[in-house]
């Protein structure tokens, strides 16, 4: 068999050819879950391994104590590590953060009539 690929830009000889299995606009935890459930692998790319998501802090939650960024040490750790503030070192559980995020999504859904 043969496969023909068309690139949107010039690829220098020797550079790897990569593909996105899902949008990078999803937060890391959602992306990892989607890839695990639909593509059956755990992604280890630089974006998925970086809790700050290359400095975008897309998955961060605002610290209730100092307004810093709450993030886990890793989104790939199956033990769901605690989330810690990058400024005041406040710590909370993954379960509490998940409940907060779910509550915000539910409120958004009620207001907009859309599913987030």
C-alpha atoms as a PDB file:
ATOM      1  CA  UNK A   1       0.000   0.000   0.000  1.00  0.00           C
ATOM      2  CA  UNK A   2       0.867   3.627  -0.430  1.00  0.00           C
ATOM      3  CA  UNK A   3      -0.080   6.746   1.448  1.00  0.00           C
ATOM      4  CA  UNK A   4       0.065  10.268   0.073  1.00  0.00           C
ATOM      5  CA  UNK A   5       0.368  13.137   2.551  1.00  0.00           C
ATOM      6  CA  UNK A   6      -0.016  16.816   1.750  1.00  0.00           C
ATOM      7  CA  UNK A   7       1.665  19.221   4.143  1.00  0.00           C
ATOM      8  CA  UNK A   8       0.371  22.724   4.812  1.00  0.00           C
ATOM      9  CA  UNK A   9       3.948  23.986   4.989  1.00  0.00           C
ATOM     10  CA  UNK A  10       7.373  22.948   3.842  1.00  0.00           C
ATOM     11  CA  UNK A  11       8.947  20.214   5.991  1.00  0.00           C
ATOM     12  CA  UNK A  12      12.745  20.194   6.084  1.00  0.00           C
ATOM     13  CA  UNK A  13      14.353  16.864   5.229  1.00  0.00           C
ATOM     14  CA  UNK A  14      14.873  14.784   8.379  1.00  0.00           C
ATOM     15  CA  UNK A  15      12.197  16.570  10.457  1.00  0.00           C
ATOM     16  CA  UNK A  16       9.545  14.270  11.917  1.00  0.00           C
ATOM     17  CA  UNK A  17       6.058  14.292  10.446  1.00  0.00           C
ATOM     18  CA  UNK A  18       3.500  14.472  13.231  1.00  0.00           C
ATOM     19  CA  UNK A  19      -0.286  14.381  13.531  1.00  0.00           C
ATOM     20  CA  UNK A  20      -2.728  15.698  16.135  1.00  0.00           C
ATOM     21  CA  UNK A  21      -5.304  13.167  17.302  1.00  0.00           C
ATOM     22  CA  UNK A  22      -7.395  15.852  18.984  1.00  0.00           C
ATOM     23  CA  UNK A  23      -7.455  19.609  19.314  1.00  0.00           C
ATOM     24  CA  UNK A  24      -4.744  21.203  21.418  1.00  0.00           C
ATOM     25  CA  UNK A  25      -7.397  23.615  22.712  1.00  0.00           C
ATOM     26  CA  UNK A  26      -8.613  20.945  25.131  1.00  0.00           C
ATOM     27  CA  UNK A  27      -7.022  21.023  28.549  1.00  0.00           C
ATOM     28  CA  UNK A  28      -4.453  18.324  29.277  1.00  0.00           C
ATOM     29  CA  UNK A  29      -6.600  16.107  31.475  1.00  0.00           C
ATOM     30  CA  UNK A  30      -9.423  16.091  28.894  1.00  0.00           C
ATOM     31  CA  UNK A  31      -6.954  15.452  26.049  1.00  0.00           C
ATOM     32  CA  UNK A  32      -5.287  12.564  27.894  1.00  0.00           C
ATOM     33  CA  UNK A  33      -8.654  10.996  28.728  1.00  0.00           C
ATOM     34  CA  UNK A  34      -9.883  11.351  25.151  1.00  0.00           C
ATOM     35  CA  UNK A  35      -6.708   9.800  23.730  1.00  0.00           C
ATOM     36  CA  UNK A  36      -6.795   6.939  26.233  1.00  0.00           C
ATOM     37  CA  UNK A  37     -10.480   6.189  25.535  1.00  0.00           C
ATOM     38  CA  UNK A  38     -10.461   6.628  21.745  1.00  0.00           C
ATOM     39  CA  UNK A  39      -6.901   5.932  20.572  1.00  0.00           C
ATOM     40  CA  UNK A  40      -5.881   3.579  23.398  1.00  0.00           C
ATOM     41  CA  UNK A  41      -2.584   5.182  24.374  1.00  0.00           C
ATOM     42  CA  UNK A  42      -1.164   7.537  26.994  1.00  0.00           C
ATOM     43  CA  UNK A  43       0.378  10.553  25.291  1.00  0.00           C
ATOM     44  CA  UNK A  44       3.879  11.534  26.359  1.00  0.00           C
ATOM     45  CA  UNK A  45       4.349  14.582  24.133  1.00  0.00           C
ATOM     46  CA  UNK A  46       5.964  17.691  25.617  1.00  0.00           C
ATOM     47  CA  UNK A  47       2.582  19.455  25.948  1.00  0.00           C
ATOM     48  CA  UNK A  48       0.922  16.578  27.834  1.00  0.00           C
ATOM     49  CA  UNK A  49       3.922  16.134  30.138  1.00  0.00           C
ATOM     50  CA  UNK A  50       4.066  19.823  31.113  1.00  0.00           C
ATOM     51  CA  UNK A  51       1.454  20.696  33.786  1.00  0.00           C
ATOM     52  CA  UNK A  52       1.750  24.389  32.804  1.00  0.00           C
ATOM     53  CA  UNK A  53       0.956  23.463  29.191  1.00  0.00           C
ATOM     54  CA  UNK A  54       3.977  25.366  27.870  1.00  0.00           C
ATOM     55  CA  UNK A  55       3.233  28.344  30.101  1.00  0.00           C
ATOM     56  CA  UNK A  56      -0.402  28.782  29.040  1.00  0.00           C
ATOM     57  CA  UNK A  57      -1.777  27.454  32.360  1.00  0.00           C
ATOM     58  CA  UNK A  58      -4.877  26.347  30.430  1.00  0.00           C
ATOM     59  CA  UNK A  59      -5.772  23.708  33.037  1.00  0.00           C
ATOM     60  CA  UNK A  60      -4.835  25.812  36.054  1.00  0.00           C
ATOM     61  CA  UNK A  61      -7.394  26.792  38.669  1.00  0.00           C
ATOM     62  CA  UNK A  62      -7.047  30.129  40.449  1.00  0.00           C
ATOM     63  CA  UNK A  63      -5.834  29.669  44.019  1.00  0.00           C
ATOM     64  CA  UNK A  64      -8.504  30.713  46.537  1.00  0.00           C
ATOM     65  CA  UNK A  65      -5.803  31.996  48.906  1.00  0.00           C
ATOM     66  CA  UNK A  66      -3.556  34.182  46.726  1.00  0.00           C
ATOM     67  CA  UNK A  67      -4.905  34.061  43.137  1.00  0.00           C
ATOM     68  CA  UNK A  68      -1.856  32.064  41.962  1.00  0.00           C
ATOM     69  CA  UNK A  69      -2.112  28.961  39.768  1.00  0.00           C
ATOM     70  CA  UNK A  70      -3.226  25.607  41.191  1.00  0.00           C
ATOM     71  CA  UNK A  71      -1.874  22.673  39.192  1.00  0.00           C
ATOM     72  CA  UNK A  72      -1.055  19.025  39.831  1.00  0.00           C
ATOM     73  CA  UNK A  73       2.536  17.813  39.584  1.00  0.00           C
ATOM     74  CA  UNK A  74       1.410  15.673  36.635  1.00  0.00           C
ATOM     75  CA  UNK A  75      -1.759  15.027  34.666  1.00  0.00           C
ATOM     76  CA  UNK A  76      -0.407  11.624  33.604  1.00  0.00           C
ATOM     77  CA  UNK A  77      -0.091  10.194  37.124  1.00  0.00           C
ATOM     78  CA  UNK A  78      -2.938   7.667  37.585  1.00  0.00           C
ATOM     79  CA  UNK A  79      -2.929   8.298  41.355  1.00  0.00           C
ATOM     80  CA  UNK A  80      -4.280  11.840  40.725  1.00  0.00           C
ATOM     81  CA  UNK A  81      -1.814  13.888  42.767  1.00  0.00           C
ATOM     82  CA  UNK A  82      -2.876  16.893  44.817  1.00  0.00           C
ATOM     83  CA  UNK A  83      -2.974  20.311  43.199  1.00  0.00           C
ATOM     84  CA  UNK A  84      -0.560  22.927  44.590  1.00  0.00           C
ATOM     85  CA  UNK A  85      -0.379  26.705  44.174  1.00  0.00           C
ATOM     86  CA  UNK A  86       2.723  27.970  42.385  1.00  0.00           C
ATOM     87  CA  UNK A  87       2.865  31.040  44.649  1.00  0.00           C
ATOM     88  CA  UNK A  88       1.653  30.324  48.206  1.00  0.00           C
ATOM     89  CA  UNK A  89       1.997  26.508  48.157  1.00  0.00           C
ATOM     90  CA  UNK A  90      -1.694  25.990  49.106  1.00  0.00           C
ATOM     91  CA  UNK A  91      -2.651  22.348  48.419  1.00  0.00           C
ATOM     92  CA  UNK A  92      -6.009  20.779  47.586  1.00  0.00           C
ATOM     93  CA  UNK A  93      -7.124  17.395  46.273  1.00  0.00           C
ATOM     94  CA  UNK A  94      -7.795  16.387  42.682  1.00  0.00           C
ATOM     95  CA  UNK A  95     -11.321  15.403  43.772  1.00  0.00           C
ATOM     96  CA  UNK A  96     -12.095  18.927  45.038  1.00  0.00           C
ATOM     97  CA  UNK A  97     -10.746  20.529  41.861  1.00  0.00           C
ATOM     98  CA  UNK A  98     -12.806  18.133  39.723  1.00  0.00           C
ATOM     99  CA  UNK A  99     -15.962  18.999  41.690  1.00  0.00           C
ATOM    100  CA  UNK A 100     -15.275  22.715  41.225  1.00  0.00           C
ATOM    101  CA  UNK A 101     -14.698  22.337  37.482  1.00  0.00           C
ATOM    102  CA  UNK A 102     -17.858  20.221  37.119  1.00  0.00           C
ATOM    103  CA  UNK A 103     -19.880  22.857  39.004  1.00  0.00           C
ATOM    104  CA  UNK A 104     -18.580  25.606  36.697  1.00  0.00           C
ATOM    105  CA  UNK A 105     -19.379  23.488  33.603  1.00  0.00           C
ATOM    106  CA  UNK A 106     -22.909  22.796  34.898  1.00  0.00           C
ATOM    107  CA  UNK A 107     -23.492  26.500  35.556  1.00  0.00           C
ATOM    108  CA  UNK A 108     -22.226  27.342  32.062  1.00  0.00           C
ATOM    109  CA  UNK A 109     -24.497  24.708  30.529  1.00  0.00           C
ATOM    110  CA  UNK A 110     -27.535  26.090  32.359  1.00  0.00           C
ATOM    111  CA  UNK A 111     -26.796  29.651  31.268  1.00  0.00           C
ATOM    112  CA  UNK A 112     -26.014  28.899  27.636  1.00  0.00           C
ATOM    113  CA  UNK A 113     -28.073  25.780  27.007  1.00  0.00           C
ATOM    114  CA  UNK A 114     -24.893  24.235  25.564  1.00  0.00           C
ATOM    115  CA  UNK A 115     -22.798  21.349  26.806  1.00  0.00           C
ATOM    116  CA  UNK A 116     -19.242  22.348  27.697  1.00  0.00           C
END
